[in-house]
Amino acid sequence: MDYTLPGETQRLGSRHPISKTLQEIKDTFTSVGFHIAYGPEIDSDFYNFEALNIPKHHPARDMQDTFYITDTVLLRTHTSDTQIHFMENHDPPVRIIVPGRVYRNEDISVRSYCLFHQIEGLYIDRKVTFSDLKGTLDHFARELFGKNVKTRFRPSYFPFTEPSAEMDVSCIFCKGKGCSICKHAGWLEILGCGMVDPEVFKAVKYDVKKWTGYAFGLGIERMAMLKYGVQDIRLFYSGDIRFLRQFK
């Protein structure tokens, strides 16, 4: 053996940016009392749609291009299906987050991919209000993007929440002044949320007169793109070592 030869370089790996972002989000919510729940990626039409107040022929189904395995079995389009599984097996109060992969039959582009990661949140108890929801999400935004970030809520529509809203944060790149990333609006949309619709409680046999709750959902890739300034979602799945080395 020639001891004068140079040694082999030890290359250190790093966590994937999606894994890093997901762990940071989980830590933020578990620190304020949320528990983590997991569910199946292959599920039935009932759990993915009908129990969430999205019956057959509901126009909201057009918003989610679904991979069907059979007429009644599919790849879940959101992690909200796990909320139904959890509520069927647990009595209130409930305070959970549900991370996982979801699938949609979308064209692959700079901003969309056929699979991505979501995290849903669900809190059910007596006298839960929209103010509770806003307070929780304000805390989350400041933990993820910094103490100086501002938030706003805009009315929206989701079949499983009423009232519903979309939450924006002040652009973390231009500090709200307006840039190409926020399309000169000064705001970036990060998640959807709202108060749980009573029809969802009825599907899991919760007493709608006794319990109220809120739910929210956000895409992990979206958060990672904002946090790290990534412009193309396809980079997360490219396996390009040059891209991944930047996150050591």
C-alpha atoms as a PDB file:
ATOM      1  CA  MET A   1       0.000   0.000   0.000  1.00  0.00           C
ATOM      2  CA  ASP A   2       1.372   3.409  -0.963  1.00  0.00           C
ATOM      3  CA  TYR A   3       0.768   5.708   2.024  1.00  0.00           C
ATOM      4  CA  THR A   4       1.837   8.749  -0.026  1.00  0.00           C
ATOM      5  CA  LEU A   5      -1.284   8.600  -2.223  1.00  0.00           C
ATOM      6  CA  PRO A   6      -4.027  11.154  -1.386  1.00  0.00           C
ATOM      7  CA  GLY A   7      -6.921   9.796   0.643  1.00  0.00           C
ATOM      8  CA  GLU A   8     -10.440   9.334  -0.642  1.00  0.00           C
ATOM      9  CA  THR A   9     -12.643  12.375  -0.201  1.00  0.00           C
ATOM     10  CA  GLN A  10     -15.472  11.797   2.250  1.00  0.00           C
ATOM     11  CA  ARG A  11     -18.548  13.472   0.844  1.00  0.00           C
ATOM     12  CA  LEU A  12     -21.056  14.547   3.438  1.00  0.00           C
ATOM     13  CA  GLY A  13     -24.729  14.301   2.582  1.00  0.00           C
ATOM     14  CA  SER A  14     -27.522  16.640   3.612  1.00  0.00           C
ATOM     15  CA  ARG A  15     -31.242  16.499   4.245  1.00  0.00           C
ATOM     16  CA  HIS A  16     -33.493  17.212   1.296  1.00  0.00           C
ATOM     17  CA  PRO A  17     -35.006  20.730   1.382  1.00  0.00           C
ATOM     18  CA  ILE A  18     -38.521  19.268   1.419  1.00  0.00           C
ATOM     19  CA  SER A  19     -37.617  17.098   4.428  1.00  0.00           C
ATOM     20  CA  LYS A  20     -36.064  20.094   6.191  1.00  0.00           C
ATOM     21  CA  THR A  21     -39.107  22.285   5.554  1.00  0.00           C
ATOM     22  CA  LEU A  22     -41.546  19.562   6.594  1.00  0.00           C
ATOM     23  CA  GLN A  23     -39.691  18.929   9.858  1.00  0.00           C
ATOM     24  CA  GLU A  24     -39.614  22.635  10.667  1.00  0.00           C
ATOM     25  CA  ILE A  25     -43.379  22.902  10.095  1.00  0.00           C
ATOM     26  CA  LYS A  26     -44.068  19.815  12.214  1.00  0.00           C
ATOM     27  CA  ASP A  27     -41.916  21.201  15.026  1.00  0.00           C
ATOM     28  CA  THR A  28     -43.792  24.516  14.901  1.00  0.00           C
ATOM     29  CA  PHE A  29     -47.219  22.916  15.326  1.00  0.00           C
ATOM     30  CA  THR A  30     -46.245  20.202  17.810  1.00  0.00           C
ATOM     31  CA  SER A  31     -44.738  22.919  20.012  1.00  0.00           C
ATOM     32  CA  VAL A  32     -48.240  24.402  20.457  1.00  0.00           C
ATOM     33  CA  GLY A  33     -50.010  21.134  21.224  1.00  0.00           C
ATOM     34  CA  PHE A  34     -50.737  19.441  17.882  1.00  0.00           C
ATOM     35  CA  HIS A  35     -50.170  15.708  17.469  1.00  0.00           C
ATOM     36  CA  ILE A  36     -49.092  14.019  14.234  1.00  0.00           C
ATOM     37  CA  ALA A  37     -51.364  11.555  12.414  1.00  0.00           C
ATOM     38  CA  TYR A  38     -50.713   9.561   9.252  1.00  0.00           C
ATOM     39  CA  GLY A  39     -53.083   7.945   6.777  1.00  0.00           C
ATOM     40  CA  PRO A  40     -53.179   5.867   3.574  1.00  0.00           C
ATOM     41  CA  GLU A  41     -52.042   7.271   0.235  1.00  0.00           C
ATOM     42  CA  ILE A  42     -54.419   4.879  -1.549  1.00  0.00           C
ATOM     43  CA  ASP A  43     -57.922   5.514  -0.286  1.00  0.00           C
ATOM     44  CA  SER A  44     -61.591   5.308  -1.190  1.00  0.00           C
ATOM     45  CA  ASP A  45     -63.735   7.916  -2.869  1.00  0.00           C
ATOM     46  CA  PHE A  46     -65.720   8.211   0.387  1.00  0.00           C
ATOM     47  CA  TYR A  47     -62.780   9.378   2.515  1.00  0.00           C
ATOM     48  CA  ASN A  48     -61.171  11.552  -0.153  1.00  0.00           C
ATOM     49  CA  PHE A  49     -64.343  13.263  -1.365  1.00  0.00           C
ATOM     50  CA  GLU A  50     -67.792  12.351  -0.053  1.00  0.00           C
ATOM     51  CA  ALA A  51     -67.107  12.560   3.699  1.00  0.00           C
ATOM     52  CA  LEU A  52     -65.511  15.959   3.045  1.00  0.00           C
ATOM     53  CA  ASN A  53     -68.760  17.297   1.612  1.00  0.00           C
ATOM     54  CA  ILE A  54     -67.685  16.704  -2.014  1.00  0.00           C
ATOM     55  CA  PRO A  55     -70.332  14.318  -3.389  1.00  0.00           C
ATOM     56  CA  LYS A  56     -70.300  12.861  -6.889  1.00  0.00           C
ATOM     57  CA  HIS A  57     -70.777  15.463  -9.642  1.00  0.00           C
ATOM     58  CA  HIS A  58     -69.798  18.242  -7.227  1.00  0.00           C
ATOM     59  CA  PRO A  59     -68.014  20.973  -9.221  1.00  0.00           C
ATOM     60  CA  ALA A  60     -65.160  21.033  -6.677  1.00  0.00           C
ATOM     61  CA  ARG A  61     -64.024  17.673  -8.027  1.00  0.00           C
ATOM     62  CA  ASP A  62     -62.971  19.451 -11.205  1.00  0.00           C
ATOM     63  CA  MET A  63     -60.416  21.367  -9.123  1.00  0.00           C
ATOM     64  CA  GLN A  64     -58.518  18.144  -8.435  1.00  0.00           C
ATOM     65  CA  ASP A  65     -57.573  15.940 -11.389  1.00  0.00           C
ATOM     66  CA  THR A  66     -57.582  12.544  -9.714  1.00  0.00           C
ATOM     67  CA  PHE A  67     -55.657   9.327 -10.372  1.00  0.00           C
ATOM     68  CA  TYR A  68     -58.341   6.614 -10.122  1.00  0.00           C
ATOM     69  CA  ILE A  69     -57.313   2.986  -9.595  1.00  0.00           C
ATOM     70  CA  THR A  70     -60.907   1.715  -9.777  1.00  0.00           C
ATOM     71  CA  ASP A  71     -64.247   3.525  -9.798  1.00  0.00           C
ATOM     72  CA  THR A  72     -64.107   3.857  -6.003  1.00  0.00           C
ATOM     73  CA  VAL A  73     -60.378   3.621  -5.168  1.00  0.00           C
ATOM     74  CA  LEU A  74     -57.895   6.399  -5.899  1.00  0.00           C
ATOM     75  CA  LEU A  75     -54.606   8.046  -5.015  1.00  0.00           C
ATOM     76  CA  ARG A  76     -55.546  10.689  -2.471  1.00  0.00           C
ATOM     77  CA  THR A  77     -55.583  14.264  -3.742  1.00  0.00           C
ATOM     78  CA  HIS A  78     -55.104  15.798  -0.279  1.00  0.00           C
ATOM     79  CA  THR A  79     -54.263  14.634   3.232  1.00  0.00           C
ATOM     80  CA  SER A  80     -57.744  15.634   4.419  1.00  0.00           C
ATOM     81  CA  ASP A  81     -58.777  11.991   4.015  1.00  0.00           C
ATOM     82  CA  THR A  82     -56.772  11.184   7.142  1.00  0.00           C
ATOM     83  CA  GLN A  83     -58.842  13.644   9.135  1.00  0.00           C
ATOM     84  CA  ILE A  84     -61.938  11.543   8.434  1.00  0.00           C
ATOM     85  CA  HIS A  85     -60.148   8.309   9.394  1.00  0.00           C
ATOM     86  CA  PHE A  86     -58.922   9.923  12.618  1.00  0.00           C
ATOM     87  CA  MET A  87     -62.294  11.389  13.609  1.00  0.00           C
ATOM     88  CA  GLU A  88     -64.015   8.056  13.002  1.00  0.00           C
ATOM     89  CA  ASN A  89     -61.736   6.471  15.605  1.00  0.00           C
ATOM     90  CA  HIS A  90     -61.305   9.277  18.138  1.00  0.00           C
ATOM     91  CA  ASP A  91     -63.731  11.358  20.149  1.00  0.00           C
ATOM     92  CA  PRO A  92     -63.215  15.123  20.456  1.00  0.00           C
ATOM     93  CA  PRO A  93     -61.292  17.155  21.396  1.00  0.00           C
ATOM     94  CA  VAL A  94     -58.943  16.665  18.420  1.00  0.00           C
ATOM     95  CA  ARG A  95     -55.774  18.594  17.637  1.00  0.00           C
ATOM     96  CA  ILE A  96     -53.719  17.001  14.848  1.00  0.00           C
ATOM     97  CA  ILE A  97     -51.542  17.755  11.846  1.00  0.00           C
ATOM     98  CA  VAL A  98     -51.447  15.316   8.934  1.00  0.00           C
ATOM     99  CA  PRO A  99     -48.314  15.334   6.751  1.00  0.00           C
ATOM    100  CA  GLY A 100     -47.945  13.163   3.661  1.00  0.00           C
ATOM    101  CA  ARG A 101     -47.706  12.775  -0.087  1.00  0.00           C
ATOM    102  CA  VAL A 102     -50.653  13.504  -2.360  1.00  0.00           C
ATOM    103  CA  TYR A 103     -51.193  12.956  -6.080  1.00  0.00           C
ATOM    104  CA  ARG A 104     -52.910  14.907  -8.835  1.00  0.00           C
ATOM    105  CA  ASN A 105     -53.034  14.295 -12.558  1.00  0.00           C
ATOM    106  CA  GLU A 106     -51.498  17.621 -13.538  1.00  0.00           C
ATOM    107  CA  ASP A 107     -49.058  18.651 -16.245  1.00  0.00           C
ATOM    108  CA  ILE A 108     -45.503  18.869 -14.916  1.00  0.00           C
ATOM    109  CA  SER A 109     -44.216  22.421 -15.131  1.00  0.00           C
ATOM    110  CA  VAL A 110     -42.230  25.034 -13.227  1.00  0.00           C
ATOM    111  CA  ARG A 111     -45.069  25.421 -10.697  1.00  0.00           C
ATOM    112  CA  SER A 112     -46.845  22.039 -10.677  1.00  0.00           C
ATOM    113  CA  TYR A 113     -45.984  18.362 -10.334  1.00  0.00           C
ATOM    114  CA  CYS A 114     -47.956  15.120 -10.351  1.00  0.00           C
ATOM    115  CA  LEU A 115     -47.095  14.424  -6.710  1.00  0.00           C
ATOM    116  CA  PHE A 116     -46.334  16.776  -3.874  1.00  0.00           C
ATOM    117  CA  HIS A 117     -46.424  16.969  -0.090  1.00  0.00           C
ATOM    118  CA  GLN A 118     -49.137  18.514   2.033  1.00  0.00           C
ATOM    119  CA  ILE A 119     -49.741  19.062   5.710  1.00  0.00           C
ATOM    120  CA  GLU A 120     -53.276  19.462   7.021  1.00  0.00           C
ATOM    121  CA  GLY A 121     -54.248  20.756  10.433  1.00  0.00           C
ATOM    122  CA  LEU A 122     -57.426  20.040  12.387  1.00  0.00           C
ATOM    123  CA  TYR A 123     -58.546  21.370  15.760  1.00  0.00           C
ATOM    124  CA  ILE A 124     -61.931  20.441  17.243  1.00  0.00           C
ATOM    125  CA  ASP A 125     -63.175  21.391  20.685  1.00  0.00           C
ATOM    126  CA  ARG A 126     -65.944  23.357  22.365  1.00  0.00           C
ATOM    127  CA  LYS A 127     -66.326  26.968  21.228  1.00  0.00           C
ATOM    128  CA  VAL A 128     -63.435  27.015  18.740  1.00  0.00           C
ATOM    129  CA  THR A 129     -63.534  30.274  16.768  1.00  0.00           C
ATOM    130  CA  PHE A 130     -62.038  31.791  13.646  1.00  0.00           C
ATOM    131  CA  SER A 131     -59.926  33.972  15.925  1.00  0.00           C
ATOM    132  CA  ASP A 132     -58.294  30.801  17.267  1.00  0.00           C
ATOM    133  CA  LEU A 133     -57.486  29.804  13.700  1.00  0.00           C
ATOM    134  CA  LYS A 134     -55.977  33.197  12.870  1.00  0.00           C
ATOM    135  CA  GLY A 135     -53.864  33.212  16.006  1.00  0.00           C
ATOM    136  CA  THR A 136     -52.445  29.759  15.277  1.00  0.00           C
ATOM    137  CA  LEU A 137     -51.607  30.566  11.657  1.00  0.00           C
ATOM    138  CA  ASP A 138     -50.097  33.956  12.535  1.00  0.00           C
ATOM    139  CA  HIS A 139     -47.769  32.136  14.941  1.00  0.00           C
ATOM    140  CA  PHE A 140     -46.886  29.586  12.251  1.00  0.00           C
ATOM    141  CA  ALA A 141     -46.044  32.253   9.656  1.00  0.00           C
ATOM    142  CA  ARG A 142     -43.757  34.127  12.022  1.00  0.00           C
ATOM    143  CA  GLU A 143     -41.949  30.963  13.063  1.00  0.00           C
ATOM    144  CA  LEU A 144     -41.336  29.925   9.445  1.00  0.00           C
ATOM    145  CA  PHE A 145     -40.659  33.264   7.737  1.00  0.00           C
ATOM    146  CA  GLY A 146     -39.519  35.557  10.542  1.00  0.00           C
ATOM    147  CA  LYS A 147     -41.013  37.721  13.249  1.00  0.00           C
ATOM    148  CA  ASN A 148     -41.597  40.714  10.959  1.00  0.00           C
ATOM    149  CA  VAL A 149     -43.779  38.918   8.382  1.00  0.00           C
ATOM    150  CA  LYS A 150     -47.334  40.205   8.029  1.00  0.00           C
ATOM    151  CA  THR A 151     -50.404  38.074   7.300  1.00  0.00           C
ATOM    152  CA  ARG A 152     -53.828  38.657   5.795  1.00  0.00           C
ATOM    153  CA  PHE A 153     -56.894  36.481   5.201  1.00  0.00           C
ATOM    154  CA  ARG A 154     -59.053  36.653   2.064  1.00  0.00           C
ATOM    155  CA  PRO A 155     -62.517  35.066   1.731  1.00  0.00           C
ATOM    156  CA  SER A 156     -62.469  31.898  -0.361  1.00  0.00           C
ATOM    157  CA  TYR A 157     -64.390  28.659  -0.905  1.00  0.00           C
ATOM    158  CA  PHE A 158     -63.651  25.062   0.103  1.00  0.00           C
ATOM    159  CA  PRO A 159     -66.402  22.415   0.307  1.00  0.00           C
ATOM    160  CA  PHE A 160     -65.308  21.130   3.721  1.00  0.00           C
ATOM    161  CA  THR A 161     -64.995  24.492   5.511  1.00  0.00           C
ATOM    162  CA  GLU A 162     -67.421  27.385   6.005  1.00  0.00           C
ATOM    163  CA  PRO A 163     -66.495  30.174   6.236  1.00  0.00           C
ATOM    164  CA  SER A 164     -63.295  29.639   4.245  1.00  0.00           C
ATOM    165  CA  ALA A 165     -60.269  31.817   3.628  1.00  0.00           C
ATOM    166  CA  GLU A 166     -56.888  31.914   1.943  1.00  0.00           C
ATOM    167  CA  MET A 167     -53.941  33.218   3.907  1.00  0.00           C
ATOM    168  CA  ASP A 168     -51.231  35.440   2.445  1.00  0.00           C
ATOM    169  CA  VAL A 169     -47.924  36.580   3.911  1.00  0.00           C
ATOM    170  CA  SER A 170     -46.081  39.758   3.016  1.00  0.00           C
ATOM    171  CA  CYS A 171     -43.527  38.935   0.306  1.00  0.00           C
ATOM    172  CA  ILE A 172     -40.361  37.720   2.002  1.00  0.00           C
ATOM    173  CA  PHE A 173     -38.243  38.742  -0.997  1.00  0.00           C
ATOM    174  CA  CYS A 174     -39.261  42.375  -1.455  1.00  0.00           C
ATOM    175  CA  LYS A 175     -40.669  42.911   2.065  1.00  0.00           C
ATOM    176  CA  GLY A 176     -44.063  43.840   0.630  1.00  0.00           C
ATOM    177  CA  LYS A 177     -42.798  46.475  -1.815  1.00  0.00           C
ATOM    178  CA  GLY A 178     -43.644  44.457  -4.938  1.00  0.00           C
ATOM    179  CA  CYS A 179     -41.416  42.259  -7.114  1.00  0.00           C
ATOM    180  CA  SER A 180     -41.648  39.717  -9.936  1.00  0.00           C
ATOM    181  CA  ILE A 181     -42.013  36.798  -7.516  1.00  0.00           C
ATOM    182  CA  CYS A 182     -45.121  38.250  -5.838  1.00  0.00           C
ATOM    183  CA  LYS A 183     -46.273  39.719  -9.175  1.00  0.00           C
ATOM    184  CA  HIS A 184     -45.818  43.194  -7.699  1.00  0.00           C
ATOM    185  CA  ALA A 185     -48.669  42.616  -5.241  1.00  0.00           C
ATOM    186  CA  GLY A 186     -46.485  42.546  -2.141  1.00  0.00           C
ATOM    187  CA  TRP A 187     -48.230  39.372  -0.906  1.00  0.00           C
ATOM    188  CA  LEU A 188     -47.708  35.610  -1.345  1.00  0.00           C
ATOM    189  CA  GLU A 189     -50.490  33.042  -0.910  1.00  0.00           C
ATOM    190  CA  ILE A 190     -49.394  30.163   1.327  1.00  0.00           C
ATOM    191  CA  LEU A 191     -52.437  28.164   2.486  1.00  0.00           C
ATOM    192  CA  GLY A 192     -56.195  27.638   2.642  1.00  0.00           C
ATOM    193  CA  CYS A 193     -58.201  27.385   5.853  1.00  0.00           C
ATOM    194  CA  GLY A 194     -61.617  27.743   7.464  1.00  0.00           C
ATOM    195  CA  MET A 195     -64.095  26.511  10.035  1.00  0.00           C
ATOM    196  CA  VAL A 196     -65.064  22.852   9.617  1.00  0.00           C
ATOM    197  CA  ASP A 197     -68.371  22.509   7.795  1.00  0.00           C
ATOM    198  CA  PRO A 198     -71.098  20.811   9.886  1.00  0.00           C
ATOM    199  CA  GLU A 199     -71.634  18.315   7.053  1.00  0.00           C
ATOM    200  CA  VAL A 200     -68.157  16.912   7.748  1.00  0.00           C
ATOM    201  CA  PHE A 201     -69.070  16.425  11.425  1.00  0.00           C
ATOM    202  CA  LYS A 202     -72.229  14.619  10.393  1.00  0.00           C
ATOM    203  CA  ALA A 203     -70.200  12.207   8.234  1.00  0.00           C
ATOM    204  CA  VAL A 204     -68.181  11.115  11.304  1.00  0.00           C
ATOM    205  CA  LYS A 205     -71.135  11.319  13.710  1.00  0.00           C
ATOM    206  CA  TYR A 206     -69.882  14.293  15.748  1.00  0.00           C
ATOM    207  CA  ASP A 207     -72.528  16.387  17.503  1.00  0.00           C
ATOM    208  CA  VAL A 208     -72.646  19.625  15.480  1.00  0.00           C
ATOM    209  CA  LYS A 209     -74.333  21.448  18.353  1.00  0.00           C
ATOM    210  CA  LYS A 210     -71.565  20.529  20.765  1.00  0.00           C
ATOM    211  CA  TRP A 211     -68.350  20.764  18.756  1.00  0.00           C
ATOM    212  CA  THR A 212     -66.766  23.332  16.453  1.00  0.00           C
ATOM    213  CA  GLY A 213     -63.376  23.331  14.813  1.00  0.00           C
ATOM    214  CA  TYR A 214     -61.058  24.701  12.196  1.00  0.00           C
ATOM    215  CA  ALA A 215     -58.911  23.143   9.480  1.00  0.00           C
ATOM    216  CA  PHE A 216     -56.076  24.333   7.267  1.00  0.00           C
ATOM    217  CA  GLY A 217     -53.884  22.873   4.560  1.00  0.00           C
ATOM    218  CA  LEU A 218     -50.655  23.885   2.875  1.00  0.00           C
ATOM    219  CA  GLY A 219     -48.194  22.525   0.330  1.00  0.00           C
ATOM    220  CA  ILE A 220     -44.684  21.738   1.575  1.00  0.00           C
ATOM    221  CA  GLU A 221     -43.081  22.348  -1.823  1.00  0.00           C
ATOM    222  CA  ARG A 222     -44.671  25.786  -1.893  1.00  0.00           C
ATOM    223  CA  MET A 223     -43.201  26.581   1.526  1.00  0.00           C
ATOM    224  CA  ALA A 224     -39.762  25.255   0.536  1.00  0.00           C
ATOM    225  CA  MET A 225     -39.773  27.284  -2.698  1.00  0.00           C
ATOM    226  CA  LEU A 226     -40.534  30.454  -0.757  1.00  0.00           C
ATOM    227  CA  LYS A 227     -38.134  29.733   2.077  1.00  0.00           C
ATOM    228  CA  TYR A 228     -35.153  28.872  -0.138  1.00  0.00           C
ATOM    229  CA  GLY A 229     -35.940  30.988  -3.199  1.00  0.00           C
ATOM    230  CA  VAL A 230     -36.377  27.989  -5.526  1.00  0.00           C
ATOM    231  CA  GLN A 231     -38.022  28.976  -8.810  1.00  0.00           C
ATOM    232  CA  ASP A 232     -38.712  25.507 -10.319  1.00  0.00           C
ATOM    233  CA  ILE A 233     -40.566  22.764  -8.390  1.00  0.00           C
ATOM    234  CA  ARG A 234     -39.046  20.110 -10.666  1.00  0.00           C
ATOM    235  CA  LEU A 235     -35.639  20.663  -9.053  1.00  0.00           C
ATOM    236  CA  PHE A 236     -36.874  18.971  -5.873  1.00  0.00           C
ATOM    237  CA  TYR A 237     -37.362  15.711  -7.797  1.00  0.00           C
ATOM    238  CA  SER A 238     -34.456  15.947 -10.255  1.00  0.00           C
ATOM    239  CA  GLY A 239     -31.889  14.176  -8.075  1.00  0.00           C
ATOM    240  CA  ASP A 240     -29.334  16.740  -9.261  1.00  0.00           C
ATOM    241  CA  ILE A 241     -26.491  16.657  -6.744  1.00  0.00           C
ATOM    242  CA  ARG A 242     -25.505  20.219  -7.650  1.00  0.00           C
ATOM    243  CA  PHE A 243     -28.882  21.436  -6.461  1.00  0.00           C
ATOM    244  CA  LEU A 244     -28.930  19.345  -3.299  1.00  0.00           C
ATOM    245  CA  ARG A 245     -25.401  20.382  -2.247  1.00  0.00           C
ATOM    246  CA  GLN A 246     -26.710  23.882  -1.633  1.00  0.00           C
ATOM    247  CA  PHE A 247     -28.668  22.682   1.412  1.00  0.00           C
ATOM    248  CA  LYS A 248     -25.807  21.277   3.513  1.00  0.00           C
END
